PDB file of N, CA and C in Angstrom:
ATOM      1  N   MET A   1     102.582  49.353 120.259  1.00  0.00           N
ATOM      2  CA  MET A   1     102.033  48.515 121.308  1.00  0.00           C
ATOM      3  C   MET A   1     102.643  47.125 121.194  1.00  0.00           C
ATOM      4  N   SER A   2     103.195  46.603 122.267  1.00  0.00           N
ATOM      5  CA  SER A   2     103.810  45.280 122.209  1.00  0.00           C
ATOM      6  C   SER A   2     102.902  44.237 122.860  1.00  0.00           C
ATOM      7  N   ALA A   3     102.941  43.041 122.311  1.00  0.00           N
ATOM      8  CA  ALA A   3     102.100  41.950 122.799  1.00  0.00           C
ATOM      9  C   ALA A   3     102.729  41.294 124.018  1.00  0.00           C
ATOM     10  N   VAL A   4     101.862  40.798 124.904  1.00  0.00           N
ATOM     11  CA  VAL A   4     102.281  39.994 126.046  1.00  0.00           C
ATOM     12  C   VAL A   4     101.358  38.792 126.137  1.00  0.00           C
ATOM     13  N   VAL A   5     101.877  37.722 126.729  1.00  0.00           N
ATOM     14  CA  VAL A   5     101.090  36.536 127.040  1.00  0.00           C
ATOM     15  C   VAL A   5     100.950  36.499 128.549  1.00  0.00           C
ATOM     16  N   VAL A   6      99.720  36.470 129.017  1.00  0.00           N
ATOM     17  CA  VAL A   6      99.431  36.473 130.451  1.00  0.00           C
ATOM     18  C   VAL A   6      99.023  35.074 130.868  1.00  0.00           C
ATOM     19  N   LEU A   7      99.642  34.576 131.931  1.00  0.00           N
ATOM     20  CA  LEU A   7      99.304  33.270 132.491  1.00  0.00           C
ATOM     21  C   LEU A   7      98.506  33.479 133.770  1.00  0.00           C
ATOM     22  N   CYS A   8      97.410  32.731 133.883  1.00  0.00           N
ATOM     23  CA  CYS A   8      96.539  32.848 135.051  1.00  0.00           C
ATOM     24  C   CYS A   8      95.886  31.489 135.305  1.00  0.00           C
ATOM     25  N   ALA A   9      96.226  30.850 136.407  1.00  0.00           N
ATOM     26  CA  ALA A   9      95.630  29.555 136.758  1.00  0.00           C
ATOM     27  C   ALA A   9      94.377  29.781 137.600  1.00  0.00           C
ATOM     28  N   VAL A  10      93.338  28.987 137.305  1.00  0.00           N
ATOM     29  CA  VAL A  10      92.085  29.040 138.060  1.00  0.00           C
ATOM     30  C   VAL A  10      91.690  27.624 138.469  1.00  0.00           C
ATOM     31  N   ALA A  11      90.741  27.532 139.389  1.00  0.00           N
ATOM     32  CA  ALA A  11      90.393  26.240 139.971  1.00  0.00           C
ATOM     33  C   ALA A  11      89.504  25.368 139.085  1.00  0.00           C
ATOM     34  N   THR A  12      88.633  25.980 138.300  1.00  0.00           N
ATOM     35  CA  THR A  12      87.651  25.186 137.561  1.00  0.00           C
ATOM     36  C   THR A  12      87.514  25.663 136.116  1.00  0.00           C
ATOM     37  N   THR A  13      86.985  24.779 135.280  1.00  0.00           N
ATOM     38  CA  THR A  13      86.704  25.132 133.889  1.00  0.00           C
ATOM     39  C   THR A  13      85.645  26.221 133.817  1.00  0.00           C
ATOM     40  N   ASP A  14      84.631  26.154 134.678  1.00  0.00           N
ATOM     41  CA  ASP A  14      83.583  27.182 134.676  1.00  0.00           C
ATOM     42  C   ASP A  14      84.167  28.564 134.970  1.00  0.00           C
ATOM     43  N   GLU A  15      85.046  28.641 135.959  1.00  0.00           N
ATOM     44  CA  GLU A  15      85.672  29.921 136.290  1.00  0.00           C
ATOM     45  C   GLU A  15      86.545  30.397 135.129  1.00  0.00           C
ATOM     46  N   ALA A  16      87.283  29.489 134.516  1.00  0.00           N
ATOM     47  CA  ALA A  16      88.133  29.842 133.374  1.00  0.00           C
ATOM     48  C   ALA A  16      87.294  30.374 132.218  1.00  0.00           C
ATOM     49  N   GLU A  17      86.186  29.701 131.910  1.00  0.00           N
ATOM     50  CA  GLU A  17      85.293  30.140 130.837  1.00  0.00           C
ATOM     51  C   GLU A  17      84.729  31.528 131.120  1.00  0.00           C
ATOM     52  N   ARG A  18      84.299  31.729 132.352  1.00  0.00           N
ATOM     53  CA  ARG A  18      83.697  33.011 132.730  1.00  0.00           C
ATOM     54  C   ARG A  18      84.708  34.147 132.585  1.00  0.00           C
ATOM     55  N   ILE A  19      85.916  33.953 133.093  1.00  0.00           N
ATOM     56  CA  ILE A  19      86.949  34.979 133.006  1.00  0.00           C
ATOM     57  C   ILE A  19      87.348  35.213 131.552  1.00  0.00           C
ATOM     58  N   ALA A  20      87.557  34.133 130.800  1.00  0.00           N
ATOM     59  CA  ALA A  20      87.971  34.263 129.395  1.00  0.00           C
ATOM     60  C   ALA A  20      86.938  35.040 128.598  1.00  0.00           C
ATOM     61  N   ARG A  21      85.677  34.672 128.719  1.00  0.00           N
ATOM     62  CA  ARG A  21      84.621  35.364 127.968  1.00  0.00           C
ATOM     63  C   ARG A  21      84.552  36.842 128.340  1.00  0.00           C
ATOM     64  N   GLU A  22      84.648  37.125 129.621  1.00  0.00           N
ATOM     65  CA  GLU A  22      84.528  38.512 130.085  1.00  0.00           C
ATOM     66  C   GLU A  22      85.679  39.380 129.580  1.00  0.00           C
ATOM     67  N   VAL A  23      86.917  38.897 129.676  1.00  0.00           N
ATOM     68  CA  VAL A  23      88.045  39.742 129.268  1.00  0.00           C
ATOM     69  C   VAL A  23      88.097  39.937 127.759  1.00  0.00           C
ATOM     70  N   VAL A  24      87.663  38.933 126.995  1.00  0.00           N
ATOM     71  CA  VAL A  24      87.625  39.096 125.539  1.00  0.00           C
ATOM     72  C   VAL A  24      86.453  39.998 125.149  1.00  0.00           C
ATOM     73  N   GLN A  25      85.305  39.791 125.762  1.00  0.00           N
ATOM     74  CA  GLN A  25      84.141  40.627 125.460  1.00  0.00           C
ATOM     75  C   GLN A  25      84.426  42.095 125.766  1.00  0.00           C
ATOM     76  N   ARG A  26      85.133  42.359 126.854  1.00  0.00           N
ATOM     77  CA  ARG A  26      85.440  43.742 127.247  1.00  0.00           C
ATOM     78  C   ARG A  26      86.642  44.311 126.495  1.00  0.00           C
ATOM     79  N   ARG A  27      87.190  43.535 125.570  1.00  0.00           N
ATOM     80  CA  ARG A  27      88.342  43.936 124.756  1.00  0.00           C
ATOM     81  C   ARG A  27      89.587  44.212 125.601  1.00  0.00           C
ATOM     82  N   LEU A  28      89.708  43.482 126.711  1.00  0.00           N
ATOM     83  CA  LEU A  28      90.912  43.542 127.531  1.00  0.00           C
ATOM     84  C   LEU A  28      91.942  42.540 127.031  1.00  0.00           C
ATOM     85  N   ALA A  29      91.497  41.596 126.209  1.00  0.00           N
ATOM     86  CA  ALA A  29      92.360  40.570 125.633  1.00  0.00           C
ATOM     87  C   ALA A  29      91.844  40.219 124.245  1.00  0.00           C
ATOM     88  N   ALA A  30      92.769  39.786 123.385  1.00  0.00           N
ATOM     89  CA  ALA A  30      92.377  39.342 122.039  1.00  0.00           C
ATOM     90  C   ALA A  30      91.787  37.943 122.105  1.00  0.00           C
ATOM     91  N   CYS A  31      92.380  37.083 122.916  1.00  0.00           N
ATOM     92  CA  CYS A  31      91.872  35.725 123.081  1.00  0.00           C
ATOM     93  C   CYS A  31      92.448  35.116 124.351  1.00  0.00           C
ATOM     94  N   ALA A  32      91.852  34.002 124.754  1.00  0.00           N
ATOM     95  CA  ALA A  32      92.320  33.263 125.927  1.00  0.00           C
ATOM     96  C   ALA A  32      92.159  31.779 125.649  1.00  0.00           C
ATOM     97  N   ASN A  33      93.217  31.034 125.867  1.00  0.00           N
ATOM     98  CA  ASN A  33      93.174  29.579 125.727  1.00  0.00           C
ATOM     99  C   ASN A  33      92.996  28.973 127.111  1.00  0.00           C
ATOM    100  N   LEU A  34      92.198  27.909 127.199  1.00  0.00           N
ATOM    101  CA  LEU A  34      91.978  27.200 128.456  1.00  0.00           C
ATOM    102  C   LEU A  34      92.686  25.858 128.366  1.00  0.00           C
ATOM    103  N   VAL A  35      93.657  25.649 129.247  1.00  0.00           N
ATOM    104  CA  VAL A  35      94.492  24.458 129.201  1.00  0.00           C
ATOM    105  C   VAL A  35      94.413  23.737 130.549  1.00  0.00           C
ATOM    106  N   PRO A  36      93.921  22.494 130.575  1.00  0.00           N
ATOM    107  CA  PRO A  36      93.911  21.762 131.847  1.00  0.00           C
ATOM    108  C   PRO A  36      95.342  21.412 132.257  1.00  0.00           C
ATOM    109  N   VAL A  37      95.660  21.640 133.522  1.00  0.00           N
ATOM    110  CA  VAL A  37      97.003  21.377 134.037  1.00  0.00           C
ATOM    111  C   VAL A  37      96.911  20.759 135.427  1.00  0.00           C
ATOM    112  N   THR A  38      97.997  20.135 135.839  1.00  0.00           N
ATOM    113  CA  THR A  38      98.171  19.722 137.228  1.00  0.00           C
ATOM    114  C   THR A  38      99.265  20.603 137.797  1.00  0.00           C
ATOM    115  N   SER A  39      98.967  21.293 138.885  1.00  0.00           N
ATOM    116  CA  SER A  39      99.923  22.215 139.499  1.00  0.00           C
ATOM    117  C   SER A  39     100.436  21.633 140.807  1.00  0.00           C
ATOM    118  N   VAL A  40     101.737  21.748 140.994  1.00  0.00           N
ATOM    119  CA  VAL A  40     102.380  21.377 142.255  1.00  0.00           C
ATOM    120  C   VAL A  40     103.026  22.643 142.781  1.00  0.00           C
ATOM    121  N   TYR A  41     102.698  23.013 144.030  1.00  0.00           N
ATOM    122  CA  TYR A  41     103.151  24.290 144.565  1.00  0.00           C
ATOM    123  C   TYR A  41     103.171  24.248 146.091  1.00  0.00           C
ATOM    124  N   ARG A  42     103.844  25.229 146.671  1.00  0.00           N
ATOM    125  CA  ARG A  42     103.859  25.372 148.123  1.00  0.00           C
ATOM    126  C   ARG A  42     102.898  26.492 148.486  1.00  0.00           C
ATOM    127  N   TRP A  43     101.976  26.230 149.420  1.00  0.00           N
ATOM    128  CA  TRP A  43     101.020  27.229 149.864  1.00  0.00           C
ATOM    129  C   TRP A  43     100.873  27.143 151.364  1.00  0.00           C
ATOM    130  N   LYS A  44     101.159  28.245 152.043  1.00  0.00           N
ATOM    131  CA  LYS A  44     101.071  28.347 153.500  1.00  0.00           C
ATOM    132  C   LYS A  44     101.850  27.225 154.174  1.00  0.00           C
ATOM    133  N   GLY A  45     103.062  26.983 153.648  1.00  0.00           N
ATOM    134  CA  GLY A  45     103.979  26.026 154.244  1.00  0.00           C
ATOM    135  C   GLY A  45     103.742  24.573 153.872  1.00  0.00           C
ATOM    136  N   GLU A  46     102.726  24.291 153.096  1.00  0.00           N
ATOM    137  CA  GLU A  46     102.392  22.919 152.725  1.00  0.00           C
ATOM    138  C   GLU A  46     102.591  22.697 151.227  1.00  0.00           C
ATOM    139  N   LEU A  47     103.025  21.489 150.872  1.00  0.00           N
ATOM    140  CA  LEU A  47     103.144  21.115 149.478  1.00  0.00           C
ATOM    141  C   LEU A  47     101.759  20.704 148.985  1.00  0.00           C
ATOM    142  N   GLU A  48     101.313  21.314 147.892  1.00  0.00           N
ATOM    143  CA  GLU A  48      99.973  21.083 147.368  1.00  0.00           C
ATOM    144  C   GLU A  48     100.054  20.535 145.942  1.00  0.00           C
ATOM    145  N   ARG A  49      99.006  19.829 145.551  1.00  0.00           N
ATOM    146  CA  ARG A  49      98.857  19.344 144.176  1.00  0.00           C
ATOM    147  C   ARG A  49      97.394  19.515 143.810  1.00  0.00           C
ATOM    148  N   SER A  50      97.134  20.233 142.699  1.00  0.00           N
ATOM    149  CA  SER A  50      95.751  20.531 142.317  1.00  0.00           C
ATOM    150  C   SER A  50      95.566  20.436 140.818  1.00  0.00           C
ATOM    151  N   ALA A  51      94.391  19.992 140.420  1.00  0.00           N
ATOM    152  CA  ALA A  51      93.980  20.115 139.025  1.00  0.00           C
ATOM    153  C   ALA A  51      93.495  21.544 138.854  1.00  0.00           C
ATOM    154  N   GLU A  52      93.992  22.224 137.827  1.00  0.00           N
ATOM    155  CA  GLU A  52      93.610  23.606 137.565  1.00  0.00           C
ATOM    156  C   GLU A  52      93.410  23.791 136.060  1.00  0.00           C
ATOM    157  N   VAL A  53      92.945  24.954 135.698  1.00  0.00           N
ATOM    158  CA  VAL A  53      92.855  25.339 134.295  1.00  0.00           C
ATOM    159  C   VAL A  53      93.736  26.577 134.135  1.00  0.00           C
ATOM    160  N   LEU A  54      94.675  26.492 133.197  1.00  0.00           N
ATOM    161  CA  LEU A  54      95.572  27.608 132.939  1.00  0.00           C
ATOM    162  C   LEU A  54      95.002  28.446 131.806  1.00  0.00           C
ATOM    163  N   LEU A  55      94.747  29.706 132.089  1.00  0.00           N
ATOM    164  CA  LEU A  55      94.354  30.651 131.055  1.00  0.00           C
ATOM    165  C   LEU A  55      95.631  31.207 130.437  1.00  0.00           C
ATOM    166  N   VAL A  56      95.737  31.109 129.122  1.00  0.00           N
ATOM    167  CA  VAL A  56      96.850  31.697 128.372  1.00  0.00           C
ATOM    168  C   VAL A  56      96.212  32.827 127.576  1.00  0.00           C
ATOM    169  N   ILE A  57      96.430  34.044 128.044  1.00  0.00           N
ATOM    170  CA  ILE A  57      95.710  35.213 127.548  1.00  0.00           C
ATOM    171  C   ILE A  57      96.651  36.090 126.729  1.00  0.00           C
ATOM    172  N   LYS A  58      96.184  36.501 125.537  1.00  0.00           N
ATOM    173  CA  LYS A  58      96.983  37.391 124.705  1.00  0.00           C
ATOM    174  C   LYS A  58      96.411  38.798 124.770  1.00  0.00           C
ATOM    175  N   THR A  59      97.283  39.742 125.120  1.00  0.00           N
ATOM    176  CA  THR A  59      96.891  41.142 125.207  1.00  0.00           C
ATOM    177  C   THR A  59      98.099  42.001 124.856  1.00  0.00           C
ATOM    178  N   THR A  60      98.016  43.284 125.184  1.00  0.00           N
ATOM    179  CA  THR A  60      99.136  44.190 124.944  1.00  0.00           C
ATOM    180  C   THR A  60      99.763  44.567 126.282  1.00  0.00           C
ATOM    181  N   ARG A  61     100.977  45.045 126.212  1.00  0.00           N
ATOM    182  CA  ARG A  61     101.651  45.494 127.445  1.00  0.00           C
ATOM    183  C   ARG A  61     100.816  46.595 128.100  1.00  0.00           C
ATOM    184  N   GLN A  62     100.320  47.522 127.308  1.00  0.00           N
ATOM    185  CA  GLN A  62      99.511  48.620 127.824  1.00  0.00           C
ATOM    186  C   GLN A  62      98.190  48.105 128.413  1.00  0.00           C
ATOM    187  N   GLY A  63      97.681  47.014 127.875  1.00  0.00           N
ATOM    188  CA  GLY A  63      96.421  46.473 128.352  1.00  0.00           C
ATOM    189  C   GLY A  63      96.532  45.589 129.576  1.00  0.00           C
ATOM    190  N   PHE A  64      97.763  45.300 130.032  1.00  0.00           N
ATOM    191  CA  PHE A  64      97.921  44.371 131.158  1.00  0.00           C
ATOM    192  C   PHE A  64      97.248  44.876 132.430  1.00  0.00           C
ATOM    193  N   GLU A  65      97.442  46.119 132.791  1.00  0.00           N
ATOM    194  CA  GLU A  65      96.911  46.611 134.069  1.00  0.00           C
ATOM    195  C   GLU A  65      95.383  46.562 134.120  1.00  0.00           C
ATOM    196  N   PRO A  66      94.665  47.035 133.089  1.00  0.00           N
ATOM    197  CA  PRO A  66      93.203  46.874 133.133  1.00  0.00           C
ATOM    198  C   PRO A  66      92.776  45.408 133.157  1.00  0.00           C
ATOM    199  N   LEU A  67      93.508  44.549 132.448  1.00  0.00           N
ATOM    200  CA  LEU A  67      93.224  43.108 132.467  1.00  0.00           C
ATOM    201  C   LEU A  67      93.423  42.546 133.866  1.00  0.00           C
ATOM    202  N   ARG A  68      94.534  42.906 134.493  1.00  0.00           N
ATOM    203  CA  ARG A  68      94.840  42.437 135.855  1.00  0.00           C
ATOM    204  C   ARG A  68      93.730  42.844 136.820  1.00  0.00           C
ATOM    205  N   GLU A  69      93.315  44.102 136.750  1.00  0.00           N
ATOM    206  CA  GLU A  69      92.262  44.585 137.648  1.00  0.00           C
ATOM    207  C   GLU A  69      90.959  43.824 137.440  1.00  0.00           C
ATOM    208  N   ALA A  70      90.613  43.569 136.187  1.00  0.00           N
ATOM    209  CA  ALA A  70      89.372  42.839 135.893  1.00  0.00           C
ATOM    210  C   ALA A  70      89.443  41.409 136.426  1.00  0.00           C
ATOM    211  N   ILE A  71      90.565  40.744 136.193  1.00  0.00           N
ATOM    212  CA  ILE A  71      90.697  39.357 136.652  1.00  0.00           C
ATOM    213  C   ILE A  71      90.647  39.289 138.169  1.00  0.00           C
ATOM    214  N   LEU A  72      91.312  40.214 138.845  1.00  0.00           N
ATOM    215  CA  LEU A  72      91.285  40.201 140.316  1.00  0.00           C
ATOM    216  C   LEU A  72      89.861  40.322 140.842  1.00  0.00           C
ATOM    217  N   GLY A  73      89.002  41.040 140.127  1.00  0.00           N
ATOM    218  CA  GLY A  73      87.613  41.178 140.544  1.00  0.00           C
ATOM    219  C   GLY A  73      86.774  39.934 140.325  1.00  0.00           C
ATOM    220  N   MET A  74      87.277  38.998 139.509  1.00  0.00           N
ATOM    221  CA  MET A  74      86.507  37.785 139.184  1.00  0.00           C
ATOM    222  C   MET A  74      87.122  36.511 139.754  1.00  0.00           C
ATOM    223  N   HIS A  75      88.367  36.552 140.164  1.00  0.00           N
ATOM    224  CA  HIS A  75      89.137  35.356 140.520  1.00  0.00           C
ATOM    225  C   HIS A  75      88.836  34.898 141.935  1.00  0.00           C
ATOM    226  N   ALA A  76      88.749  33.590 142.119  1.00  0.00           N
ATOM    227  CA  ALA A  76      88.410  33.025 143.428  1.00  0.00           C
ATOM    228  C   ALA A  76      89.607  32.886 144.364  1.00  0.00           C
ATOM    229  N   TYR A  77      90.822  32.861 143.834  1.00  0.00           N
ATOM    230  CA  TYR A  77      91.995  32.628 144.682  1.00  0.00           C
ATOM    231  C   TYR A  77      92.369  33.866 145.495  1.00  0.00           C
ATOM    232  N   GLU A  78      92.939  33.601 146.671  1.00  0.00           N
ATOM    233  CA  GLU A  78      93.448  34.666 147.532  1.00  0.00           C
ATOM    234  C   GLU A  78      94.620  35.389 146.859  1.00  0.00           C
ATOM    235  N   VAL A  79      95.508  34.631 146.230  1.00  0.00           N
ATOM    236  CA  VAL A  79      96.668  35.195 145.528  1.00  0.00           C
ATOM    237  C   VAL A  79      96.748  34.534 144.147  1.00  0.00           C
ATOM    238  N   PRO A  80      96.021  35.074 143.177  1.00  0.00           N
ATOM    239  CA  PRO A  80      96.031  34.449 141.851  1.00  0.00           C
ATOM    240  C   PRO A  80      97.348  34.664 141.113  1.00  0.00           C
ATOM    241  N   GLU A  81      97.674  33.689 140.289  1.00  0.00           N
ATOM    242  CA  GLU A  81      98.804  33.817 139.376  1.00  0.00           C
ATOM    243  C   GLU A  81      98.390  34.791 138.279  1.00  0.00           C
ATOM    244  N   LEU A  82      99.152  35.839 138.112  1.00  0.00           N
ATOM    245  CA  LEU A  82      98.924  36.812 137.044  1.00  0.00           C
ATOM    246  C   LEU A  82     100.284  37.325 136.620  1.00  0.00           C
ATOM    247  N   ILE A  83     100.848  36.701 135.598  1.00  0.00           N
ATOM    248  CA  ILE A  83     102.150  37.138 135.118  1.00  0.00           C
ATOM    249  C   ILE A  83     102.085  37.369 133.615  1.00  0.00           C
ATOM    250  N   ALA A  84     102.800  38.389 133.170  1.00  0.00           N
ATOM    251  CA  ALA A  84     102.836  38.720 131.744  1.00  0.00           C
ATOM    252  C   ALA A  84     104.233  38.445 131.217  1.00  0.00           C
ATOM    253  N   LEU A  85     104.284  37.699 130.126  1.00  0.00           N
ATOM    254  CA  LEU A  85     105.550  37.380 129.468  1.00  0.00           C
ATOM    255  C   LEU A  85     105.600  38.155 128.155  1.00  0.00           C
ATOM    256  N   PRO A  86     106.682  38.881 127.909  1.00  0.00           N
ATOM    257  CA  PRO A  86     106.755  39.644 126.665  1.00  0.00           C
ATOM    258  C   PRO A  86     106.880  38.733 125.459  1.00  0.00           C
ATOM    259  N   VAL A  87     106.259  39.140 124.362  1.00  0.00           N
ATOM    260  CA  VAL A  87     106.408  38.435 123.099  1.00  0.00           C
ATOM    261  C   VAL A  87     107.569  39.111 122.371  1.00  0.00           C
ATOM    262  N   GLU A  88     108.671  38.401 122.229  1.00  0.00           N
ATOM    263  CA  GLU A  88     109.857  38.972 121.592  1.00  0.00           C
ATOM    264  C   GLU A  88     109.705  39.048 120.082  1.00  0.00           C
ATOM    265  N   VAL A  89     109.195  37.992 119.484  1.00  0.00           N
ATOM    266  CA  VAL A  89     108.958  37.963 118.041  1.00  0.00           C
ATOM    267  C   VAL A  89     107.696  37.146 117.801  1.00  0.00           C
ATOM    268  N   GLY A  90     107.093  37.344 116.648  1.00  0.00           N
ATOM    269  CA  GLY A  90     105.899  36.585 116.310  1.00  0.00           C
ATOM    270  C   GLY A  90     105.474  36.885 114.885  1.00  0.00           C
ATOM    271  N   HIS A  91     104.460  36.181 114.445  1.00  0.00           N
ATOM    272  CA  HIS A  91     103.900  36.365 113.112  1.00  0.00           C
ATOM    273  C   HIS A  91     103.242  37.750 113.075  1.00  0.00           C
ATOM    274  N   ALA A  92     103.757  38.644 112.249  1.00  0.00           N
ATOM    275  CA  ALA A  92     103.320  40.047 112.242  1.00  0.00           C
ATOM    276  C   ALA A  92     101.805  40.215 112.119  1.00  0.00           C
ATOM    277  N   PRO A  93     101.135  39.489 111.215  1.00  0.00           N
ATOM    278  CA  PRO A  93      99.677  39.665 111.142  1.00  0.00           C
ATOM    279  C   PRO A  93      98.963  39.257 112.441  1.00  0.00           C
ATOM    280  N   TYR A  94      99.455  38.238 113.124  1.00  0.00           N
ATOM    281  CA  TYR A  94      98.845  37.818 114.388  1.00  0.00           C
ATOM    282  C   TYR A  94      99.051  38.886 115.457  1.00  0.00           C
ATOM    283  N   LEU A  95     100.253  39.432 115.525  1.00  0.00           N
ATOM    284  CA  LEU A  95     100.538  40.478 116.507  1.00  0.00           C
ATOM    285  C   LEU A  95      99.693  41.721 116.224  1.00  0.00           C
ATOM    286  N   ALA A  96      99.493  42.030 114.957  1.00  0.00           N
ATOM    287  CA  ALA A  96      98.637  43.163 114.589  1.00  0.00           C
ATOM    288  C   ALA A  96      97.197  42.896 115.008  1.00  0.00           C
ATOM    289  N   TRP A  97      96.729  41.650 114.850  1.00  0.00           N
ATOM    290  CA  TRP A  97      95.375  41.280 115.265  1.00  0.00           C
ATOM    291  C   TRP A  97      95.206  41.466 116.772  1.00  0.00           C
ATOM    292  N   ILE A  98      96.219  41.083 117.562  1.00  0.00           N
ATOM    293  CA  ILE A  98      96.144  41.299 119.016  1.00  0.00           C
ATOM    294  C   ILE A  98      95.967  42.786 119.294  1.00  0.00           C
ATOM    295  N   ALA A  99      96.809  43.616 118.686  1.00  0.00           N
ATOM    296  CA  ALA A  99      96.744  45.062 118.918  1.00  0.00           C
ATOM    297  C   ALA A  99      95.379  45.630 118.518  1.00  0.00           C
ATOM    298  N   GLU A 100      94.828  45.158 117.407  1.00  0.00           N
ATOM    299  CA  GLU A 100      93.525  45.647 116.938  1.00  0.00           C
ATOM    300  C   GLU A 100      92.380  45.159 117.818  1.00  0.00           C
ATOM    301  N   SER A 101      92.540  43.985 118.413  1.00  0.00           N
ATOM    302  CA  SER A 101      91.470  43.370 119.196  1.00  0.00           C
ATOM    303  C   SER A 101      91.352  43.925 120.601  1.00  0.00           C
ATOM    304  N   VAL A 102      92.433  44.465 121.121  1.00  0.00           N
ATOM    305  CA  VAL A 102      92.443  44.984 122.487  1.00  0.00           C
ATOM    306  C   VAL A 102      92.124  46.477 122.430  1.00  0.00           C
ATOM    307  N   ALA A 103      91.138  46.890 123.240  1.00  0.00           N
ATOM    308  CA  ALA A 103      90.755  48.299 123.263  1.00  0.00           C
ATOM    309  C   ALA A 103      91.946  49.145 123.676  1.00  0.00           C
ATOM    310  N   GLU A 104      92.108  50.267 123.003  1.00  0.00           N
ATOM    311  CA  GLU A 104      93.200  51.169 123.354  1.00  0.00           C
ATOM    312  C   GLU A 104      92.934  51.753 124.730  1.00  0.00           C
ATOM    313  N   VAL A 105      93.939  51.704 125.591  1.00  0.00           N
ATOM    314  CA  VAL A 105      93.833  52.244 126.938  1.00  0.00           C
ATOM    315  C   VAL A 105      94.236  53.705 126.878  1.00  0.00           C
ATOM    316  N   LYS A 106      93.319  54.564 127.248  1.00  0.00           N
ATOM    317  CA  LYS A 106      93.605  55.998 127.248  1.00  0.00           C
ATOM    318  C   LYS A 106      94.115  56.398 128.626  1.00  0.00           C
ATOM    319  N   PRO A 107      95.187  57.181 128.683  1.00  0.00           N
ATOM    320  CA  PRO A 107      95.671  57.627 129.991  1.00  0.00           C
ATOM    321  C   PRO A 107      94.630  58.511 130.670  1.00  0.00           C
ATOM    322  N   ASN A 108      94.561  58.408 131.977  1.00  0.00           N
ATOM    323  CA  ASN A 108      93.646  59.227 132.755  1.00  0.00           C
ATOM    324  C   ASN A 108      94.195  60.651 132.791  1.00  0.00           C
ATOM    325  N   PRO A 109      93.445  61.627 132.253  1.00  0.00           N
ATOM    326  CA  PRO A 109      93.975  62.979 132.206  1.00  0.00           C
ATOM    327  C   PRO A 109      93.989  63.667 133.570  1.00  0.00           C
ATOM    328  N   GLY A 110      93.360  63.074 134.558  1.00  0.00           N
ATOM    329  CA  GLY A 110      93.303  63.694 135.883  1.00  0.00           C
ATOM    330  C   GLY A 110      92.211  64.755 135.935  1.00  0.00           C
ATOM    331  N   PRO A 111      92.118  65.452 137.046  1.00  0.00           N
ATOM    332  CA  PRO A 111      91.059  66.466 137.194  1.00  0.00           C
ATOM    333  C   PRO A 111      91.324  67.647 136.259  1.00  0.00           C
ATOM    334  N   PRO A 112      90.260  68.331 135.843  1.00  0.00           N
ATOM    335  CA  PRO A 112      90.465  69.490 134.985  1.00  0.00           C
ATOM    336  C   PRO A 112      91.253  70.563 135.726  1.00  0.00           C
ATOM    337  N   ALA A 113      92.048  71.285 134.957  1.00  0.00           N
ATOM    338  CA  ALA A 113      92.846  72.350 135.554  1.00  0.00           C
ATOM    339  C   ALA A 113      91.932  73.509 135.927  1.00  0.00           C
ATOM    340  N   GLY A 114      92.165  74.066 137.082  1.00  0.00           N
ATOM    341  CA  GLY A 114      91.373  75.203 137.550  1.00  0.00           C
ATOM    342  C   GLY A 114      91.981  76.508 137.049  1.00  0.00           C
ATOM    343  N   PRO A 115      91.339  77.594 137.361  1.00  0.00           N
ATOM    344  CA  PRO A 115      91.878  78.895 136.947  1.00  0.00           C
ATOM    345  C   PRO A 115      93.223  79.140 137.596  1.00  0.00           C
ATOM    346  N   ARG A 116      94.059  79.863 136.903  1.00  0.00           N
ATOM    347  CA  ARG A 116      95.397  80.156 137.449  1.00  0.00           C
ATOM    348  C   ARG A 116      95.460  81.580 137.902  1.00  0.00           C
TER     349      ARG A 116
END
């Protein structure tokens, strides 16, 4: 299992706290850092500037999709930032902690096979 760092900007500290607690509690992420940022971006043809909170979330590559789905269900933005950056190298014990902290995602076996 390889580690990824997921970036997700939200509008408020309260929203960031709520999302961070939920994804860690549900074992979709090992941890999430909340970083206040100022974002400059183009939205619907206009140049925007906003104070936001950047969630820096550590999870596994396999855990990204369940994490993405959970965040989309909690996020206030129409098009939230949700990008995963691969961790190329890192402190082995820390990477092992990420893998141990994130619930293993089991593949969906699909419907049971019927008689042949």
